[in-house]
Amino acid sequence: ETREKDVAFKVLYCGICHSDLHMVKNEWGITTYPLVPGHEIVGVVTEVGSRVQKYKVGDKVGVGCLVGSCQSCDKCADNLENYCPRLILTYGAKYHDGTTTYGGYSDIMVADEHFVIRIPDNLPLEGAAPLLCAGITTYSPLRYYGLDKPGMHVGVVGLGGLGHVAVKFAKAMGVRVTVISTSPSKKEEAIKRLKADSFLVSREQDQMLAAWGTMDGIIDTVSAVHPILPLIRLLKTNGKLVVLGAPEKPHELPVFPLLMGKAHING
């Protein structure tokens, strides 16, 4: 049932995020079943509540990773609802009324208009869906940590869903991009299709050694446990390593290289 501030829309596309796979398999140990994943959701509005002001039937809209928050804390007041201690995730969480939230692998989505995003008419819906998680997850740290200046050198670790988008955003910002991967087969896609400037095979020590101390920042998108030390060594003094992947087990954090290189590790 649509509440007075709710927007209901027919789901036309929903992206697949690696976190959906983690949740389906309960690899983080927080899943409750039944579960309906999906948080890169786009479609067309079919119904609006009586107090909805932003949207009307027929509008193209989307919903990302969250559908609710307390709307009263300092984080919500600063439009940082994703850091609210009472954040409500798009699926697998409890809504204000105690019901379970379900995601976008469904026919219809209902959400409070505050957490619904308008999709521009000139943006294809199938291309818009991944922007609601992979897009904002990579765009935000590039901007927030100042890794968006033309001429900067940024590494992107992993060329999966997040990695593809990170390379595209960074190149659009005028940044020099090096893709770092365990898979040599990804080189052609990185260089020719995504226009990355260079490519490192992380298992090749000679390649990694040659790149020591050359990067202003690194966007690490890998969702499996992997060595952090080789990445820290690629950073310039005061360089920033931004960890976006969420593996099921903790990373080992080498402290000494942080002290000697004044490196920053961020989320």
C-alpha atoms as a PDB file:
ATOM      1  CA  GLU A   1       0.000   0.000   0.000  1.00  0.00           C
ATOM      2  CA  THR A   2       1.306   3.448  -0.943  1.00  0.00           C
ATOM      3  CA  ARG A   3       1.760   5.856   1.975  1.00  0.00           C
ATOM      4  CA  GLU A   4       1.224   9.603   1.591  1.00  0.00           C
ATOM      5  CA  LYS A   5       4.921  10.298   0.863  1.00  0.00           C
ATOM      6  CA  ASP A   6       5.558   7.120  -1.136  1.00  0.00           C
ATOM      7  CA  VAL A   7       6.387   6.751  -4.802  1.00  0.00           C
ATOM      8  CA  ALA A   8       5.549   3.454  -6.510  1.00  0.00           C
ATOM      9  CA  PHE A   9       7.222   2.584  -9.791  1.00  0.00           C
ATOM     10  CA  LYS A  10       7.404  -0.307 -12.212  1.00  0.00           C
ATOM     11  CA  VAL A  11      10.909  -1.780 -12.145  1.00  0.00           C
ATOM     12  CA  LEU A  12      12.360  -1.910 -15.656  1.00  0.00           C
ATOM     13  CA  TYR A  13      16.043  -2.494 -14.891  1.00  0.00           C
ATOM     14  CA  CYS A  14      18.063  -3.492 -11.833  1.00  0.00           C
ATOM     15  CA  GLY A  15      21.833  -3.870 -11.735  1.00  0.00           C
ATOM     16  CA  ILE A  16      23.708  -6.721 -10.073  1.00  0.00           C
ATOM     17  CA  CYS A  17      26.194  -5.601  -7.419  1.00  0.00           C
ATOM     18  CA  HIS A  18      28.757  -7.923  -5.849  1.00  0.00           C
ATOM     19  CA  SER A  19      27.282  -7.053  -2.463  1.00  0.00           C
ATOM     20  CA  ASP A  20      24.069  -8.730  -3.656  1.00  0.00           C
ATOM     21  CA  LEU A  21      26.051 -11.950  -4.019  1.00  0.00           C
ATOM     22  CA  HIS A  22      27.598 -11.509  -0.571  1.00  0.00           C
ATOM     23  CA  MET A  23      24.127 -11.058   0.900  1.00  0.00           C
ATOM     24  CA  VAL A  24      22.527 -13.965  -0.975  1.00  0.00           C
ATOM     25  CA  LYS A  25      25.274 -16.295   0.291  1.00  0.00           C
ATOM     26  CA  ASN A  26      25.309 -14.687   3.770  1.00  0.00           C
ATOM     27  CA  GLU A  27      29.066 -14.165   3.453  1.00  0.00           C
ATOM     28  CA  TRP A  28      28.925 -11.174   5.808  1.00  0.00           C
ATOM     29  CA  GLY A  29      26.864 -13.080   8.377  1.00  0.00           C
ATOM     30  CA  ILE A  30      24.041 -10.508   8.476  1.00  0.00           C
ATOM     31  CA  THR A  31      21.532 -11.919   5.983  1.00  0.00           C
ATOM     32  CA  THR A  32      17.996 -12.802   6.989  1.00  0.00           C
ATOM     33  CA  TYR A  33      15.781 -14.804   4.677  1.00  0.00           C
ATOM     34  CA  PRO A  34      13.610 -14.532   2.647  1.00  0.00           C
ATOM     35  CA  LEU A  35      15.714 -12.006   0.756  1.00  0.00           C
ATOM     36  CA  VAL A  36      14.993  -9.984  -2.389  1.00  0.00           C
ATOM     37  CA  PRO A  37      18.260  -8.277  -3.461  1.00  0.00           C
ATOM     38  CA  GLY A  38      18.824  -5.381  -5.836  1.00  0.00           C
ATOM     39  CA  HIS A  39      19.737  -1.755  -5.091  1.00  0.00           C
ATOM     40  CA  GLU A  40      20.438  -0.299  -8.541  1.00  0.00           C
ATOM     41  CA  ILE A  41      16.793   0.088  -9.458  1.00  0.00           C
ATOM     42  CA  VAL A  42      15.193   2.189 -12.204  1.00  0.00           C
ATOM     43  CA  GLY A  43      11.739   2.365 -13.702  1.00  0.00           C
ATOM     44  CA  VAL A  44       8.660   4.485 -14.367  1.00  0.00           C
ATOM     45  CA  VAL A  45       6.325   5.921 -11.713  1.00  0.00           C
ATOM     46  CA  THR A  46       2.909   4.251 -11.556  1.00  0.00           C
ATOM     47  CA  GLU A  47       1.469   5.827  -8.392  1.00  0.00           C
ATOM     48  CA  VAL A  48       2.282   8.585  -5.900  1.00  0.00           C
ATOM     49  CA  GLY A  49       1.049   9.309  -2.388  1.00  0.00           C
ATOM     50  CA  SER A  50      -1.165  12.269  -1.548  1.00  0.00           C
ATOM     51  CA  ARG A  51       1.723  14.408  -0.210  1.00  0.00           C
ATOM     52  CA  VAL A  52       4.313  13.620  -2.885  1.00  0.00           C
ATOM     53  CA  GLN A  53       5.544  16.820  -4.541  1.00  0.00           C
ATOM     54  CA  LYS A  54       8.613  15.859  -6.569  1.00  0.00           C
ATOM     55  CA  TYR A  55       7.220  13.163  -8.853  1.00  0.00           C
ATOM     56  CA  LYS A  56       4.201  12.284 -10.942  1.00  0.00           C
ATOM     57  CA  VAL A  57       2.971   9.228 -12.805  1.00  0.00           C
ATOM     58  CA  GLY A  58       5.143   8.569 -15.861  1.00  0.00           C
ATOM     59  CA  ASP A  59       8.373  10.043 -14.463  1.00  0.00           C
ATOM     60  CA  LYS A  60      11.600   8.050 -14.845  1.00  0.00           C
ATOM     61  CA  VAL A  61      13.065   7.395 -11.397  1.00  0.00           C
ATOM     62  CA  GLY A  62      15.489   5.231  -9.473  1.00  0.00           C
ATOM     63  CA  VAL A  63      16.338   3.987  -5.995  1.00  0.00           C
ATOM     64  CA  GLY A  64      19.835   3.196  -4.770  1.00  0.00           C
ATOM     65  CA  CYS A  65      21.204   1.613  -1.607  1.00  0.00           C
ATOM     66  CA  LEU A  66      18.896   3.119   0.998  1.00  0.00           C
ATOM     67  CA  VAL A  67      15.195   3.762   1.473  1.00  0.00           C
ATOM     68  CA  GLY A  68      15.069   5.384   4.894  1.00  0.00           C
ATOM     69  CA  SER A  69      16.836   7.099   7.795  1.00  0.00           C
ATOM     70  CA  CYS A  70      15.896   8.879  11.015  1.00  0.00           C
ATOM     71  CA  GLN A  71      15.698  12.317   9.313  1.00  0.00           C
ATOM     72  CA  SER A  72      16.528  13.964  12.647  1.00  0.00           C
ATOM     73  CA  CYS A  73      20.267  13.486  13.326  1.00  0.00           C
ATOM     74  CA  ASP A  74      23.104  15.782  12.258  1.00  0.00           C
ATOM     75  CA  LYS A  75      24.058  13.460   9.408  1.00  0.00           C
ATOM     76  CA  CYS A  76      20.567  13.537   7.933  1.00  0.00           C
ATOM     77  CA  ALA A  77      20.510  17.328   8.345  1.00  0.00           C
ATOM     78  CA  ASP A  78      23.710  17.485   6.253  1.00  0.00           C
ATOM     79  CA  ASN A  79      22.244  15.258   3.509  1.00  0.00           C
ATOM     80  CA  LEU A  80      24.491  12.401   4.618  1.00  0.00           C
ATOM     81  CA  GLU A  81      21.703   9.922   5.272  1.00  0.00           C
ATOM     82  CA  ASN A  82      23.951   7.033   4.241  1.00  0.00           C
ATOM     83  CA  TYR A  83      25.878   7.597   7.503  1.00  0.00           C
ATOM     84  CA  CYS A  84      22.777   7.810   9.694  1.00  0.00           C
ATOM     85  CA  PRO A  85      22.935   5.337  12.623  1.00  0.00           C
ATOM     86  CA  ARG A  86      19.334   4.391  11.822  1.00  0.00           C
ATOM     87  CA  LEU A  87      19.905   3.958   8.103  1.00  0.00           C
ATOM     88  CA  ILE A  88      17.428   1.633   6.374  1.00  0.00           C
ATOM     89  CA  LEU A  89      18.929  -0.353   3.514  1.00  0.00           C
ATOM     90  CA  THR A  90      16.949  -1.029   0.362  1.00  0.00           C
ATOM     91  CA  TYR A  91      16.669  -4.718   1.172  1.00  0.00           C
ATOM     92  CA  GLY A  92      17.223  -7.049   4.097  1.00  0.00           C
ATOM     93  CA  ALA A  93      16.483  -4.351   6.692  1.00  0.00           C
ATOM     94  CA  LYS A  94      13.592  -3.350   8.939  1.00  0.00           C
ATOM     95  CA  TYR A  95      11.510  -0.349   7.895  1.00  0.00           C
ATOM     96  CA  HIS A  96      10.051   2.197  10.337  1.00  0.00           C
ATOM     97  CA  ASP A  97       6.876   0.125  10.702  1.00  0.00           C
ATOM     98  CA  GLY A  98       8.764  -3.115  11.372  1.00  0.00           C
ATOM     99  CA  THR A  99       8.248  -4.640   7.940  1.00  0.00           C
ATOM    100  CA  THR A 100      11.178  -6.083   5.969  1.00  0.00           C
ATOM    101  CA  THR A 101      12.546  -4.140   3.008  1.00  0.00           C
ATOM    102  CA  TYR A 102      12.802  -5.893  -0.345  1.00  0.00           C
ATOM    103  CA  GLY A 103      14.958  -4.858  -3.288  1.00  0.00           C
ATOM    104  CA  GLY A 104      14.745  -4.390  -7.008  1.00  0.00           C
ATOM    105  CA  TYR A 105      14.638  -7.964  -8.276  1.00  0.00           C
ATOM    106  CA  SER A 106      10.895  -7.482  -8.363  1.00  0.00           C
ATOM    107  CA  ASP A 107       8.159  -5.967 -10.513  1.00  0.00           C
ATOM    108  CA  ILE A 108       7.211  -2.971  -8.362  1.00  0.00           C
ATOM    109  CA  MET A 109       9.259  -0.779  -6.001  1.00  0.00           C
ATOM    110  CA  VAL A 110       7.812   1.560  -3.364  1.00  0.00           C
ATOM    111  CA  ALA A 111       9.922   4.133  -1.508  1.00  0.00           C
ATOM    112  CA  ASP A 112       9.613   7.464   0.273  1.00  0.00           C
ATOM    113  CA  GLU A 113      10.083  10.277  -2.249  1.00  0.00           C
ATOM    114  CA  HIS A 114      13.088  11.594  -0.278  1.00  0.00           C
ATOM    115  CA  PHE A 115      15.034   8.488  -1.316  1.00  0.00           C
ATOM    116  CA  VAL A 116      13.845   8.411  -4.931  1.00  0.00           C
ATOM    117  CA  ILE A 117      16.061   9.899  -7.652  1.00  0.00           C
ATOM    118  CA  ARG A 118      14.891  11.444 -10.908  1.00  0.00           C
ATOM    119  CA  ILE A 119      16.489   9.959 -14.029  1.00  0.00           C
ATOM    120  CA  PRO A 120      17.047  12.531 -16.825  1.00  0.00           C
ATOM    121  CA  ASP A 121      15.138  11.845 -20.028  1.00  0.00           C
ATOM    122  CA  ASN A 122      18.353  11.816 -22.066  1.00  0.00           C
ATOM    123  CA  LEU A 123      19.932   9.071 -19.926  1.00  0.00           C
ATOM    124  CA  PRO A 124      18.993   5.514 -20.985  1.00  0.00           C
ATOM    125  CA  LEU A 125      17.473   3.641 -18.059  1.00  0.00           C
ATOM    126  CA  GLU A 126      19.609   0.553 -18.603  1.00  0.00           C
ATOM    127  CA  GLY A 127      22.717   2.729 -18.316  1.00  0.00           C
ATOM    128  CA  ALA A 128      21.408   4.671 -15.333  1.00  0.00           C
ATOM    129  CA  ALA A 129      20.852   1.666 -13.066  1.00  0.00           C
ATOM    130  CA  PRO A 130      24.539   0.925 -12.231  1.00  0.00           C
ATOM    131  CA  LEU A 131      25.128   4.592 -11.396  1.00  0.00           C
ATOM    132  CA  LEU A 132      22.924   4.210  -8.310  1.00  0.00           C
ATOM    133  CA  CYS A 133      25.566   2.079  -6.571  1.00  0.00           C
ATOM    134  CA  ALA A 134      28.699   1.529  -8.653  1.00  0.00           C
ATOM    135  CA  GLY A 135      28.467   5.088  -9.944  1.00  0.00           C
ATOM    136  CA  ILE A 136      28.157   6.980  -6.673  1.00  0.00           C
ATOM    137  CA  THR A 137      30.531   4.556  -4.900  1.00  0.00           C
ATOM    138  CA  THR A 138      33.363   5.534  -7.252  1.00  0.00           C
ATOM    139  CA  TYR A 139      32.431   9.130  -8.118  1.00  0.00           C
ATOM    140  CA  SER A 140      32.134  10.200  -4.475  1.00  0.00           C
ATOM    141  CA  PRO A 141      35.681   9.277  -3.310  1.00  0.00           C
ATOM    142  CA  LEU A 142      37.264  10.720  -6.445  1.00  0.00           C
ATOM    143  CA  ARG A 143      35.619  14.048  -5.626  1.00  0.00           C
ATOM    144  CA  TYR A 144      35.758  13.921  -1.828  1.00  0.00           C
ATOM    145  CA  TYR A 145      39.432  12.976  -1.583  1.00  0.00           C
ATOM    146  CA  GLY A 146      40.495  15.417  -4.284  1.00  0.00           C
ATOM    147  CA  LEU A 147      41.544  12.771  -6.796  1.00  0.00           C
ATOM    148  CA  ASP A 148      39.682  14.549  -9.589  1.00  0.00           C
ATOM    149  CA  LYS A 149      42.265  17.117 -10.700  1.00  0.00           C
ATOM    150  CA  PRO A 150      43.512  17.006 -14.304  1.00  0.00           C
ATOM    151  CA  GLY A 151      47.018  15.594 -14.499  1.00  0.00           C
ATOM    152  CA  MET A 152      46.790  13.589 -11.284  1.00  0.00           C
ATOM    153  CA  HIS A 153      47.752   9.913 -11.391  1.00  0.00           C
ATOM    154  CA  VAL A 154      45.163   7.517  -9.950  1.00  0.00           C
ATOM    155  CA  GLY A 155      45.266   3.735  -9.827  1.00  0.00           C
ATOM    156  CA  VAL A 156      42.121   1.624 -10.105  1.00  0.00           C
ATOM    157  CA  VAL A 157      42.416  -1.853  -8.598  1.00  0.00           C
ATOM    158  CA  GLY A 158      40.119  -4.399 -10.214  1.00  0.00           C
ATOM    159  CA  LEU A 159      38.191  -4.063 -13.457  1.00  0.00           C
ATOM    160  CA  GLY A 160      34.807  -5.391 -12.417  1.00  0.00           C
ATOM    161  CA  GLY A 161      31.589  -3.421 -12.003  1.00  0.00           C
ATOM    162  CA  LEU A 162      33.067  -0.670  -9.820  1.00  0.00           C
ATOM    163  CA  GLY A 163      36.397  -0.612 -11.620  1.00  0.00           C
ATOM    164  CA  HIS A 164      34.860   0.038 -15.039  1.00  0.00           C
ATOM    165  CA  VAL A 165      32.942   3.037 -13.744  1.00  0.00           C
ATOM    166  CA  ALA A 166      35.910   4.377 -11.756  1.00  0.00           C
ATOM    167  CA  VAL A 167      38.071   4.396 -14.887  1.00  0.00           C
ATOM    168  CA  LYS A 168      35.375   6.188 -16.897  1.00  0.00           C
ATOM    169  CA  PHE A 169      34.811   8.873 -14.262  1.00  0.00           C
ATOM    170  CA  ALA A 170      38.523   9.462 -13.673  1.00  0.00           C
ATOM    171  CA  LYS A 171      39.252   9.775 -17.386  1.00  0.00           C
ATOM    172  CA  ALA A 172      36.343  12.204 -17.790  1.00  0.00           C
ATOM    173  CA  MET A 173      37.919  14.306 -15.021  1.00  0.00           C
ATOM    174  CA  GLY A 174      41.212  14.494 -16.906  1.00  0.00           C
ATOM    175  CA  VAL A 175      43.048  12.158 -14.543  1.00  0.00           C
ATOM    176  CA  ARG A 176      45.835   9.825 -15.659  1.00  0.00           C
ATOM    177  CA  VAL A 177      44.579   6.303 -14.893  1.00  0.00           C
ATOM    178  CA  THR A 178      46.476   3.076 -14.293  1.00  0.00           C
ATOM    179  CA  VAL A 179      44.439  -0.112 -13.978  1.00  0.00           C
ATOM    180  CA  ILE A 180      45.890  -2.680 -11.557  1.00  0.00           C
ATOM    181  CA  SER A 181      44.700  -6.255 -11.954  1.00  0.00           C
ATOM    182  CA  THR A 182      45.723  -9.854 -11.329  1.00  0.00           C
ATOM    183  CA  SER A 183      44.425 -10.724 -14.819  1.00  0.00           C
ATOM    184  CA  PRO A 184      46.657  -9.871 -17.806  1.00  0.00           C
ATOM    185  CA  SER A 185      43.655 -10.581 -20.042  1.00  0.00           C
ATOM    186  CA  LYS A 186      42.009  -7.363 -18.787  1.00  0.00           C
ATOM    187  CA  LYS A 187      44.697  -5.169 -20.355  1.00  0.00           C
ATOM    188  CA  GLU A 188      43.114  -4.819 -23.784  1.00  0.00           C
ATOM    189  CA  GLU A 189      39.757  -3.840 -22.334  1.00  0.00           C
ATOM    190  CA  ALA A 190      41.360  -1.362 -19.929  1.00  0.00           C
ATOM    191  CA  ILE A 191      43.522   0.361 -22.535  1.00  0.00           C
ATOM    192  CA  LYS A 192      41.534   0.112 -25.759  1.00  0.00           C
ATOM    193  CA  ARG A 193      37.924   0.185 -24.587  1.00  0.00           C
ATOM    194  CA  LEU A 194      38.071   2.253 -21.396  1.00  0.00           C
ATOM    195  CA  LYS A 195      41.059   4.396 -22.463  1.00  0.00           C
ATOM    196  CA  ALA A 196      43.134   3.828 -19.324  1.00  0.00           C
ATOM    197  CA  ASP A 197      46.649   5.209 -19.703  1.00  0.00           C
ATOM    198  CA  SER A 198      48.522   2.179 -18.397  1.00  0.00           C
ATOM    199  CA  PHE A 199      48.061  -1.288 -16.924  1.00  0.00           C
ATOM    200  CA  LEU A 200      49.848  -3.176 -14.156  1.00  0.00           C
ATOM    201  CA  VAL A 201      49.649  -6.890 -13.446  1.00  0.00           C
ATOM    202  CA  SER A 202      49.766  -6.945  -9.662  1.00  0.00           C
ATOM    203  CA  ARG A 203      51.419 -10.374  -9.577  1.00  0.00           C
ATOM    204  CA  GLU A 204      54.355  -9.091 -11.655  1.00  0.00           C
ATOM    205  CA  GLN A 205      56.793  -7.679  -9.100  1.00  0.00           C
ATOM    206  CA  ASP A 206      58.917  -5.879 -11.695  1.00  0.00           C
ATOM    207  CA  GLN A 207      55.905  -3.939 -12.973  1.00  0.00           C
ATOM    208  CA  MET A 208      54.788  -3.018  -9.466  1.00  0.00           C
ATOM    209  CA  LEU A 209      58.295  -2.005  -8.397  1.00  0.00           C
ATOM    210  CA  ALA A 210      58.655   0.301 -11.407  1.00  0.00           C
ATOM    211  CA  ALA A 211      55.478   2.121 -10.332  1.00  0.00           C
ATOM    212  CA  TRP A 212      56.451   2.659  -6.669  1.00  0.00           C
ATOM    213  CA  GLY A 213      55.693   6.150  -5.404  1.00  0.00           C
ATOM    214  CA  THR A 214      54.003   7.359  -8.596  1.00  0.00           C
ATOM    215  CA  MET A 215      50.302   7.594  -7.706  1.00  0.00           C
ATOM    216  CA  ASP A 216      48.383  10.385  -6.007  1.00  0.00           C
ATOM    217  CA  GLY A 217      45.634   7.968  -5.078  1.00  0.00           C
ATOM    218  CA  ILE A 218      44.237   4.490  -5.595  1.00  0.00           C
ATOM    219  CA  ILE A 219      40.613   3.382  -5.839  1.00  0.00           C
ATOM    220  CA  ASP A 220      40.561  -0.246  -4.672  1.00  0.00           C
ATOM    221  CA  THR A 221      37.374  -1.952  -5.882  1.00  0.00           C
ATOM    222  CA  VAL A 222      38.265  -5.603  -5.206  1.00  0.00           C
ATOM    223  CA  SER A 223      35.753  -7.432  -3.006  1.00  0.00           C
ATOM    224  CA  ALA A 224      38.045 -10.352  -2.107  1.00  0.00           C
ATOM    225  CA  VAL A 225      40.861 -10.376   0.443  1.00  0.00           C
ATOM    226  CA  HIS A 226      44.122  -9.270  -1.192  1.00  0.00           C
ATOM    227  CA  PRO A 227      47.485  -7.789  -0.121  1.00  0.00           C
ATOM    228  CA  ILE A 228      47.347  -4.090   0.775  1.00  0.00           C
ATOM    229  CA  LEU A 229      51.107  -3.494   1.146  1.00  0.00           C
ATOM    230  CA  PRO A 230      51.904  -3.561  -2.607  1.00  0.00           C
ATOM    231  CA  LEU A 231      49.234  -0.906  -3.166  1.00  0.00           C
ATOM    232  CA  ILE A 232      50.517   1.367  -0.403  1.00  0.00           C
ATOM    233  CA  ARG A 233      53.960   1.263  -2.007  1.00  0.00           C
ATOM    234  CA  LEU A 234      52.526   2.682  -5.237  1.00  0.00           C
ATOM    235  CA  LEU A 235      51.437   5.877  -3.477  1.00  0.00           C
ATOM    236  CA  LYS A 236      53.283   9.160  -3.387  1.00  0.00           C
ATOM    237  CA  THR A 237      53.894  10.768   0.007  1.00  0.00           C
ATOM    238  CA  ASN A 238      50.477  11.794   1.361  1.00  0.00           C
ATOM    239  CA  GLY A 239      48.835   9.512  -1.188  1.00  0.00           C
ATOM    240  CA  LYS A 240      45.365   8.121  -0.546  1.00  0.00           C
ATOM    241  CA  LEU A 241      44.216   4.514  -0.800  1.00  0.00           C
ATOM    242  CA  VAL A 242      40.414   4.337  -0.897  1.00  0.00           C
ATOM    243  CA  VAL A 243      39.041   0.871  -0.131  1.00  0.00           C
ATOM    244  CA  LEU A 244      35.628   0.258  -1.704  1.00  0.00           C
ATOM    245  CA  GLY A 245      35.433  -3.538  -1.835  1.00  0.00           C
ATOM    246  CA  ALA A 246      33.965  -5.339   1.176  1.00  0.00           C
ATOM    247  CA  PRO A 247      35.485  -8.836   1.505  1.00  0.00           C
ATOM    248  CA  GLU A 248      34.058 -11.407   3.882  1.00  0.00           C
ATOM    249  CA  LYS A 249      37.298 -11.419   5.930  1.00  0.00           C
ATOM    250  CA  PRO A 250      39.366  -8.456   7.230  1.00  0.00           C
ATOM    251  CA  HIS A 251      42.400  -7.172   5.355  1.00  0.00           C
ATOM    252  CA  GLU A 252      45.825  -7.261   6.996  1.00  0.00           C
ATOM    253  CA  LEU A 253      46.983  -3.693   7.550  1.00  0.00           C
ATOM    254  CA  PRO A 254      50.762  -3.090   7.503  1.00  0.00           C
ATOM    255  CA  VAL A 255      51.398  -0.093   9.758  1.00  0.00           C
ATOM    256  CA  PHE A 256      55.080   0.641   9.126  1.00  0.00           C
ATOM    257  CA  PRO A 257      54.635   1.673   5.461  1.00  0.00           C
ATOM    258  CA  LEU A 258      51.887   4.056   6.568  1.00  0.00           C
ATOM    259  CA  LEU A 259      54.258   5.738   9.000  1.00  0.00           C
ATOM    260  CA  MET A 260      57.158   5.979   6.574  1.00  0.00           C
ATOM    261  CA  GLY A 261      55.128   7.093   3.568  1.00  0.00           C
ATOM    262  CA  LYS A 262      52.482   9.223   5.297  1.00  0.00           C
ATOM    263  CA  ALA A 263      49.885   7.235   3.395  1.00  0.00           C
ATOM    264  CA  HIS A 264      46.173   7.586   4.046  1.00  0.00           C
ATOM    265  CA  ILE A 265      43.735   4.665   3.951  1.00  0.00           C
ATOM    266  CA  ASN A 266      40.112   5.683   3.582  1.00  0.00           C
ATOM    267  CA  GLY A 267      36.685   4.246   2.921  1.00  0.00           C
END
